[in-house]
N, C-alpha and C. Protein backbone atom coordinates (compact mmCIF):
# COMPACT_ATOMS: atom_id res chain seq x y z
N MET A 1 25.88 -10.68 -1.79
CA MET A 1 24.02 -11.00 -1.74
C MET A 1 23.34 -11.86 -2.18
N SER A 2 22.36 -11.92 -1.53
CA SER A 2 22.01 -13.86 -1.92
C SER A 2 20.82 -13.52 -2.87
N SER A 3 20.31 -14.23 -3.81
CA SER A 3 19.55 -13.95 -4.34
C SER A 3 17.94 -13.56 -3.99
N TRP A 4 18.17 -14.48 -2.76
CA TRP A 4 16.54 -13.81 -2.20
C TRP A 4 17.05 -13.34 -0.70
N SER A 5 17.52 -11.40 -1.16
CA SER A 5 17.06 -10.82 0.10
C SER A 5 16.15 -10.17 0.19
N LEU A 6 16.83 -10.22 2.14
CA LEU A 6 15.00 -9.08 2.87
C LEU A 6 14.69 -8.55 1.81
N PHE A 7 15.12 -7.68 1.46
CA PHE A 7 14.59 -6.18 0.88
C PHE A 7 14.40 -6.75 -1.13
N ARG A 8 14.13 -8.04 -1.44
CA ARG A 8 13.41 -8.48 -2.50
C ARG A 8 12.68 -9.42 -1.59
N ILE A 9 12.55 -9.92 -1.00
CA ILE A 9 11.59 -10.90 -0.36
C ILE A 9 10.17 -9.45 0.73
N VAL A 10 10.61 -8.44 0.83
CA VAL A 10 9.89 -7.28 1.32
C VAL A 10 8.76 -6.86 -0.55
N CYS A 11 9.90 -6.07 -0.68
CA CYS A 11 8.91 -5.66 -1.71
C CYS A 11 8.19 -7.18 -3.01
N LEU A 12 8.26 -7.98 -3.39
CA LEU A 12 7.72 -8.98 -3.40
C LEU A 12 6.31 -8.99 -2.69
N PHE A 13 6.77 -9.23 -1.41
CA PHE A 13 5.11 -9.56 -0.96
C PHE A 13 3.89 -7.82 -0.62
N HIS A 14 4.92 -6.63 -0.72
CA HIS A 14 4.23 -5.44 -0.93
C HIS A 14 4.07 -5.76 -2.41
N ALA A 15 3.97 -5.97 -4.04
CA ALA A 15 3.54 -6.15 -5.30
C ALA A 15 2.44 -7.31 -4.92
N PHE A 16 2.60 -8.39 -4.32
CA PHE A 16 1.88 -9.06 -3.70
C PHE A 16 0.49 -8.35 -3.46
N ILE A 17 0.52 -8.15 -1.96
CA ILE A 17 -0.77 -7.02 -1.36
C ILE A 17 -0.96 -5.84 -2.82
N ASP A 18 -0.11 -5.74 -3.17
CA ASP A 18 -0.99 -4.07 -3.92
C ASP A 18 -1.79 -4.88 -5.40
N VAL A 19 -1.39 -6.42 -5.97
CA VAL A 19 -2.01 -6.39 -7.09
C VAL A 19 -3.76 -6.64 -7.15
N PHE A 20 -3.19 -7.74 -5.66
CA PHE A 20 -4.13 -8.73 -4.97
C PHE A 20 -5.43 -7.41 -4.81
N THR A 21 -4.76 -6.34 -3.79
CA THR A 21 -6.71 -5.02 -3.84
C THR A 21 -6.57 -4.51 -5.01
N GLY A 22 -4.98 -4.10 -5.76
CA GLY A 22 -6.06 -3.31 -7.64
C GLY A 22 -6.71 -4.24 -7.93
N SER A 23 -6.67 -5.74 -8.42
CA SER A 23 -7.54 -6.33 -8.67
C SER A 23 -8.77 -6.59 -8.14
N PHE A 24 -9.18 -6.88 -6.78
CA PHE A 24 -10.16 -6.29 -6.41
C PHE A 24 -11.14 -5.72 -6.73
N MET A 25 -10.07 -4.49 -6.78
CA MET A 25 -11.04 -2.56 -7.16
C MET A 25 -11.44 -2.24 -8.17
N VAL A 26 -11.00 -2.86 -9.34
CA VAL A 26 -11.04 -3.03 -10.92
C VAL A 26 -11.71 -3.50 -10.44
N PHE A 27 -12.36 -5.02 -10.41
CA PHE A 27 -13.18 -5.69 -11.17
C PHE A 27 -14.77 -6.07 -9.55
N SER A 28 -14.48 -5.63 -8.79
CA SER A 28 -15.64 -5.23 -8.18
C SER A 28 -15.30 -4.56 -6.57
N VAL A 29 -15.60 -2.62 -7.14
CA VAL A 29 -16.18 -2.35 -5.48
C VAL A 29 -16.88 -2.43 -4.84
N SER A 30 -18.27 -2.65 -5.33
CA SER A 30 -19.14 -2.62 -4.02
C SER A 30 -19.28 -3.75 -3.50
N THR A 31 -18.33 -4.97 -4.07
CA THR A 31 -18.33 -5.80 -3.41
C THR A 31 -17.64 -6.03 -2.59
N LEU A 32 -16.09 -5.06 -2.48
CA LEU A 32 -15.07 -5.05 -2.10
C LEU A 32 -16.15 -3.63 -0.19
N ALA A 33 -16.76 -3.08 -1.12
CA ALA A 33 -17.56 -2.04 -0.20
C ALA A 33 -18.57 -2.78 0.96
N ARG A 34 -18.62 -3.55 0.09
CA ARG A 34 -19.76 -4.23 1.72
C ARG A 34 -19.44 -4.90 1.86
N LEU A 35 -17.57 -5.67 1.61
CA LEU A 35 -16.81 -6.44 2.85
C LEU A 35 -16.40 -5.52 3.27
N LEU A 36 -15.65 -4.40 3.69
CA LEU A 36 -14.84 -3.86 4.66
C LEU A 36 -15.77 -3.10 4.84
N HIS A 37 -16.82 -2.47 4.97
CA HIS A 37 -17.52 -1.01 5.71
C HIS A 37 -18.98 -2.05 5.20
N SER A 38 -19.85 -2.22 6.37
CA SER A 38 -21.08 -1.99 6.47
C SER A 38 -22.33 -1.36 5.67
N GLU A 39 -22.91 -1.68 5.82
CA GLU A 39 -24.95 -1.84 4.55
C GLU A 39 -24.73 0.01 4.04
N GLY A 40 -24.82 0.24 5.47
CA GLY A 40 -25.41 1.32 5.96
C GLY A 40 -24.13 2.62 5.27
N VAL A 41 -22.73 2.67 5.55
CA VAL A 41 -21.34 2.66 5.25
C VAL A 41 -21.55 2.87 3.34
N THR A 42 -22.04 1.30 2.65
CA THR A 42 -21.90 2.25 1.69
C THR A 42 -23.46 2.48 1.31
N GLU A 43 -24.30 2.79 1.49
CA GLU A 43 -24.67 3.53 0.70
C GLU A 43 -24.85 4.89 0.88
N LYS A 44 -24.27 5.18 2.07
CA LYS A 44 -23.39 6.97 2.41
C LYS A 44 -22.38 7.46 0.99
N LEU A 45 -22.07 6.50 1.11
CA LEU A 45 -19.91 6.89 -0.16
C LEU A 45 -20.40 6.44 -1.28
N HIS A 46 -21.75 6.47 -1.55
CA HIS A 46 -22.39 5.86 -3.14
C HIS A 46 -21.37 4.83 -3.57
N LEU A 47 -21.13 3.68 -2.95
CA LEU A 47 -21.34 2.02 -3.41
C LEU A 47 -21.76 1.29 -4.13
N THR A 48 -23.01 2.09 -4.41
CA THR A 48 -23.93 0.61 -4.75
C THR A 48 -24.18 1.12 -6.12
N ASP A 49 -24.49 0.30 -6.63
CA ASP A 49 -24.31 -0.57 -7.61
C ASP A 49 -25.37 0.48 -8.79
N GLU A 50 -25.89 1.74 -7.95
CA GLU A 50 -27.63 2.11 -8.40
C GLU A 50 -27.38 2.83 -9.57
N ASP A 51 -26.83 3.92 -8.83
CA ASP A 51 -27.30 5.95 -9.57
C ASP A 51 -25.39 6.03 -10.19
N ALA A 52 -25.31 7.23 -11.31
CA ALA A 52 -24.53 7.72 -12.07
C ALA A 52 -23.96 8.15 -10.66
N LYS A 53 -24.31 8.30 -10.34
CA LYS A 53 -22.44 9.37 -8.72
C LYS A 53 -21.77 8.24 -8.79
N SER A 54 -22.55 6.49 -7.91
CA SER A 54 -22.11 5.32 -7.62
C SER A 54 -20.60 4.83 -9.01
N GLN A 55 -21.75 4.99 -9.98
CA GLN A 55 -21.19 4.34 -11.75
C GLN A 55 -19.96 5.70 -11.51
N LEU A 56 -19.87 6.45 -11.02
CA LEU A 56 -18.48 7.42 -11.54
C LEU A 56 -17.34 7.10 -9.78
N ILE A 57 -17.46 7.19 -8.99
CA ILE A 57 -16.91 6.70 -8.01
C ILE A 57 -15.87 5.47 -8.38
N GLN A 58 -17.57 4.00 -9.14
CA GLN A 58 -16.60 3.08 -8.83
C GLN A 58 -15.27 2.87 -10.10
N THR A 59 -16.00 3.88 -10.94
CA THR A 59 -14.17 4.25 -12.60
C THR A 59 -13.41 5.07 -11.86
N SER A 60 -13.85 6.19 -10.88
CA SER A 60 -12.46 6.19 -9.56
C SER A 60 -12.02 5.03 -9.41
N GLU A 61 -12.36 4.04 -8.56
CA GLU A 61 -12.26 3.89 -7.36
C GLU A 61 -10.89 2.43 -8.26
N SER A 62 -12.00 2.14 -9.50
CA SER A 62 -10.86 0.66 -10.82
C SER A 62 -9.71 1.12 -11.29
N LEU A 63 -9.82 3.24 -11.57
CA LEU A 63 -8.52 2.93 -11.83
C LEU A 63 -7.46 3.37 -10.80
N VAL A 64 -8.13 3.69 -9.40
CA VAL A 64 -7.24 3.15 -8.46
C VAL A 64 -6.32 2.34 -8.22
N GLY A 65 -7.26 0.76 -8.78
CA GLY A 65 -7.09 -0.32 -8.60
C GLY A 65 -5.81 -0.85 -9.58
N MET A 66 -6.09 -0.55 -10.84
CA MET A 66 -4.94 -0.21 -11.69
C MET A 66 -4.20 0.24 -11.33
N MET A 67 -3.99 1.77 -10.74
CA MET A 67 -2.31 2.78 -10.54
C MET A 67 -2.07 0.99 -8.41
N LEU A 68 -2.68 0.44 -7.92
CA LEU A 68 -1.63 -0.52 -7.76
C LEU A 68 -1.50 -1.18 -8.40
N ILE A 69 -1.54 -1.66 -9.18
CA ILE A 69 -1.44 -3.56 -10.14
C ILE A 69 -0.14 -2.28 -10.91
N PHE A 70 0.13 -1.07 -10.94
CA PHE A 70 0.98 -0.95 -11.69
C PHE A 70 2.47 -0.51 -10.87
N ILE A 71 1.81 0.20 -10.02
CA ILE A 71 2.79 0.03 -8.45
C ILE A 71 3.52 -1.74 -8.41
N ALA A 72 2.88 -1.97 -8.46
CA ALA A 72 2.87 -3.97 -8.19
C ALA A 72 3.99 -3.66 -9.59
N ILE A 73 3.80 -4.34 -10.22
CA ILE A 73 4.96 -4.22 -11.77
C ILE A 73 6.39 -3.42 -11.67
N LEU A 74 6.13 -1.85 -10.55
CA LEU A 74 7.19 -2.10 -10.63
C LEU A 74 7.77 -2.17 -9.23
N LEU A 75 7.20 -2.73 -8.11
CA LEU A 75 8.36 -2.61 -7.05
C LEU A 75 8.67 -4.38 -7.45
N TYR A 76 8.40 -5.43 -8.03
CA TYR A 76 8.82 -6.66 -9.40
C TYR A 76 10.07 -6.04 -9.87
N MET A 77 9.95 -4.89 -10.33
CA MET A 77 11.18 -4.40 -11.20
C MET A 77 11.83 -4.42 -10.13
N ILE A 78 11.42 -3.07 -8.92
CA ILE A 78 13.12 -2.50 -8.17
C ILE A 78 13.32 -4.07 -7.24
N SER A 79 13.12 -5.10 -7.51
CA SER A 79 13.34 -6.04 -6.04
C SER A 79 14.82 -6.83 -6.89
N HIS A 80 14.57 -6.24 -7.83
CA HIS A 80 16.12 -7.41 -8.49
C HIS A 80 17.20 -6.23 -8.73
N LEU A 81 16.28 -5.07 -8.16
CA LEU A 81 17.89 -4.74 -7.05
C LEU A 81 19.09 -4.52 -6.66
N GLU A 82 19.96 -4.89 -6.92
CA GLU A 82 21.16 -6.00 -6.03
C GLU A 82 21.97 -4.31 -5.50
N GLN A 83 21.88 -3.04 -6.45
CA GLN A 83 23.10 -2.07 -5.36
C GLN A 83 22.19 -1.29 -3.96
N ILE A 84 23.18 -1.49 -3.05
CA ILE A 84 22.52 -1.35 -1.68
C ILE A 84 22.03 -0.45 -0.77
N GLU A 85 23.10 0.66 -1.01
CA GLU A 85 22.44 2.08 -1.67
C GLU A 85 21.50 3.04 -2.81
N LEU A 86 21.50 1.39 -3.43
CA LEU A 86 19.93 2.19 -4.21
C LEU A 86 19.01 1.73 -3.10
N GLN A 87 19.02 0.23 -2.68
CA GLN A 87 17.73 -0.73 -1.85
C GLN A 87 17.47 0.76 -0.24
N ARG A 88 18.89 1.11 -0.12
CA ARG A 88 18.68 1.61 1.17
C ARG A 88 17.51 3.27 0.43
N TYR A 89 17.84 4.10 -0.49
CA TYR A 89 17.36 5.37 -0.53
C TYR A 89 15.67 4.72 -1.08
N PHE A 90 15.23 4.12 -1.63
CA PHE A 90 14.23 3.44 -1.71
C PHE A 90 13.50 2.60 -0.79
N SER A 91 14.31 2.46 -0.56
CA SER A 91 13.53 2.25 1.15
C SER A 91 13.08 2.90 1.95
N LYS A 92 13.99 3.82 2.22
CA LYS A 92 13.73 5.70 2.44
C LYS A 92 12.54 6.00 2.37
N GLY A 93 12.13 6.68 0.66
CA GLY A 93 10.89 6.63 0.23
C GLY A 93 9.88 6.27 0.36
N CYS A 94 10.08 5.28 0.97
CA CYS A 94 8.03 4.10 0.89
C CYS A 94 8.77 4.28 2.10
N ILE A 95 9.08 4.57 3.87
CA ILE A 95 8.83 4.73 4.66
C ILE A 95 7.78 5.90 4.57
N LEU A 96 9.20 6.77 3.96
CA LEU A 96 8.17 8.27 4.12
C LEU A 96 7.07 9.14 3.29
N ILE A 97 6.47 7.75 2.06
CA ILE A 97 5.12 7.32 1.60
C ILE A 97 4.01 6.71 3.16
N HIS A 98 4.88 5.74 3.17
CA HIS A 98 3.97 5.29 4.43
C HIS A 98 2.90 5.99 5.48
N LEU A 99 4.34 7.15 5.95
CA LEU A 99 4.48 8.04 6.85
C LEU A 99 3.07 8.93 6.95
N LEU A 100 3.35 9.62 5.67
CA LEU A 100 2.29 10.36 4.68
C LEU A 100 0.79 10.23 4.59
N LEU A 101 1.56 8.79 4.45
CA LEU A 101 -0.07 8.29 4.41
C LEU A 101 -0.62 7.94 5.24
N ALA A 102 -0.07 7.88 6.58
CA ALA A 102 -1.04 7.88 8.07
C ALA A 102 -0.87 9.02 8.32
N THR A 103 -0.70 10.10 8.01
CA THR A 103 -1.26 11.39 8.66
C THR A 103 -1.87 11.58 7.18
N TRP A 104 -2.51 11.86 6.31
CA TRP A 104 -3.02 12.22 5.62
C TRP A 104 -4.28 10.85 5.84
N ARG A 105 -3.97 9.73 6.75
CA ARG A 105 -5.83 9.10 7.08
C ARG A 105 -6.45 9.66 8.08
N ILE A 106 -5.37 11.11 9.34
CA ILE A 106 -5.30 10.79 10.35
C ILE A 106 -6.14 12.75 10.53
N CYS A 107 -5.59 13.21 9.06
CA CYS A 107 -5.81 14.31 9.10
C CYS A 107 -7.07 14.89 7.95
N VAL A 108 -7.61 13.88 7.40
CA VAL A 108 -8.10 14.60 5.96
C VAL A 108 -10.01 12.65 6.47
N GLU A 109 -9.57 10.95 6.44
CA GLU A 109 -10.10 10.89 6.11
C GLU A 109 -10.52 10.74 7.66
N ALA A 110 -10.30 11.45 8.99
CA ALA A 110 -11.39 10.99 10.12
C ALA A 110 -12.21 12.63 10.36
N ARG A 111 -12.13 12.94 9.43
CA ARG A 111 -13.41 13.84 9.57
C ARG A 111 -14.50 14.15 9.02
N VAL A 112 -13.99 12.43 8.12
CA VAL A 112 -14.97 11.68 7.14
C VAL A 112 -16.37 10.54 8.42
N GLN A 113 -17.44 11.07 8.75
CA GLN A 113 -17.99 10.29 9.34
C GLN A 113 -17.92 8.65 9.54
N ALA A 114 -18.50 8.59 8.60
CA ALA A 114 -18.39 7.18 7.48
C ALA A 114 -16.78 5.75 7.68
N LEU A 115 -16.35 7.00 7.65
CA LEU A 115 -15.16 6.41 7.29
C LEU A 115 -14.13 5.97 8.88
N GLN A 116 -14.48 6.97 9.82
CA GLN A 116 -13.89 6.78 10.75
C GLN A 116 -13.51 5.08 11.73
N LYS A 117 -15.05 4.76 11.84
CA LYS A 117 -14.94 3.51 11.81
C LYS A 117 -13.84 2.79 11.56
N ASP A 118 -12.86 2.54 10.36
CA ASP A 118 -11.87 1.79 9.61
C ASP A 118 -10.78 2.60 10.09
N LEU A 119 -10.71 3.80 10.42
CA LEU A 119 -9.15 4.60 11.09
C LEU A 119 -7.87 3.64 11.43
N LYS A 120 -8.31 3.51 12.30
CA LYS A 120 -7.61 2.12 13.66
C LYS A 120 -6.68 1.02 12.90
N GLY A 121 -7.77 0.59 12.42
CA GLY A 121 -7.43 -0.88 11.24
C GLY A 121 -6.99 -0.25 9.96
N GLN A 122 -6.63 0.72 9.06
CA GLN A 122 -6.02 1.69 8.49
C GLN A 122 -4.12 2.60 9.25
N LEU A 123 -5.22 2.89 9.84
CA LEU A 123 -3.65 3.53 10.65
C LEU A 123 -2.05 3.04 10.65
N LEU A 124 -3.10 1.30 11.52
CA LEU A 124 -1.87 0.23 11.88
C LEU A 124 -0.91 -0.30 10.53
N THR A 125 -2.09 -0.32 9.54
CA THR A 125 -1.72 -1.15 8.10
C THR A 125 -0.41 -0.30 8.00
N ASP A 126 -0.78 1.00 7.64
CA ASP A 126 0.43 2.33 7.26
C ASP A 126 1.42 1.96 8.61
N LEU A 127 1.83 2.14 9.55
CA LEU A 127 2.61 1.82 9.97
C LEU A 127 3.64 0.75 10.46
N ILE A 128 2.96 -0.62 10.44
CA ILE A 128 3.29 -1.38 10.02
C ILE A 128 3.66 -2.02 8.91
N PHE A 129 3.76 -0.82 7.66
CA PHE A 129 4.14 -1.59 6.15
C PHE A 129 5.27 -0.28 6.64
N ALA A 130 4.87 0.91 7.09
CA ALA A 130 6.32 1.57 6.99
C ALA A 130 6.76 1.07 8.02
N ALA A 131 6.90 -0.47 8.89
CA ALA A 131 7.70 -0.80 9.99
C ALA A 131 8.96 -1.64 9.26
N THR A 132 7.95 -2.13 8.32
CA THR A 132 8.55 -3.68 7.17
C THR A 132 9.59 -2.85 6.36
N TRP A 133 9.54 -1.65 6.46
CA TRP A 133 10.36 -0.43 4.85
C TRP A 133 11.75 -0.48 6.13
N MET A 134 11.17 0.14 7.48
CA MET A 134 12.69 0.66 8.22
C MET A 134 13.38 -0.32 8.90
N ILE A 135 12.62 -1.99 8.16
CA ILE A 135 13.92 -3.35 8.76
C ILE A 135 14.45 -3.66 8.18
N VAL A 136 13.83 -3.37 6.02
CA VAL A 136 15.10 -3.73 4.99
C VAL A 136 15.57 -2.60 5.59
N LEU A 137 15.66 -1.48 6.23
CA LEU A 137 16.35 0.12 6.06
C LEU A 137 17.56 -0.91 7.16
N PHE A 138 17.33 -0.84 8.77
CA PHE A 138 18.56 -0.76 8.96
C PHE A 138 19.19 -2.10 8.73
N PHE A 139 18.97 -3.34 7.99
CA PHE A 139 18.78 -4.51 7.70
C PHE A 139 20.47 -4.39 6.57
N THR A 140 19.77 -3.34 5.81
CA THR A 140 21.03 -2.73 4.51
C THR A 140 21.91 -2.21 5.08
N ARG A 141 21.69 -1.32 5.96
CA ARG A 141 22.54 -0.41 6.35
C ARG A 141 23.39 -1.87 6.97
N HIS A 142 23.23 -2.63 7.86
CA HIS A 142 23.80 -3.79 8.77
C HIS A 142 24.69 -4.69 7.75
N GLN A 143 23.98 -4.27 7.05
CA GLN A 143 24.66 -5.15 5.30
C GLN A 143 26.40 -4.53 4.53
N SER A 144 25.63 -3.48 4.71
CA SER A 144 27.07 -2.82 3.90
C SER A 144 27.50 -1.96 5.51
N ASN A 145 27.64 -1.85 6.17
CA ASN A 145 28.42 -1.94 7.07
C ASN A 145 29.87 -3.16 7.11
N THR A 146 29.03 -4.47 7.03
CA THR A 146 29.73 -5.16 6.83
C THR A 146 30.72 -5.95 5.27
N VAL A 147 30.26 -5.31 5.23
CA VAL A 147 30.75 -6.05 3.78
C VAL A 147 32.07 -3.59 3.45
N LYS A 148 31.45 -3.02 4.13
CA LYS A 148 32.62 -2.39 3.89
C LYS A 148 33.84 -2.85 5.31
N ASP A 149 33.87 -4.02 5.95
CA ASP A 149 34.71 -3.75 6.94
C ASP A 149 35.86 -5.28 6.62
N LYS A 150 35.25 -6.20 5.10
CA LYS A 150 36.24 -7.45 4.34
C LYS A 150 36.89 -6.20 4.07
């Protein structure tokens, strides 16, 4: 197996995205909210810098950002796995996580009227991330079959 396998590239790609969004969430939740949503939606979701409810939501959001950074560190460590069976197992888990996240967005976030505008883009992103792990899964299956044939 080469040192830069598809599994490693996808892991590092997802880790980069997690570090970027996680650090943005930790340091500037209200700025991120204003970029992703309109000003009215930001106020409805209490993501301004004004009241105590907003500060509680910002604390919660920054903890989620820290969790994304920790996931990125975990993805970086996992990207060095060399066993094909562990890579396939991890890929299956990531596919399941992204499909469950898409299902959660459909069932829960679709009910929040302020977030319905962003739902299609987020669903598309979740499905693209699941598809990248499916590509890794099929590639490692093909790779393990060629190793067995030799």
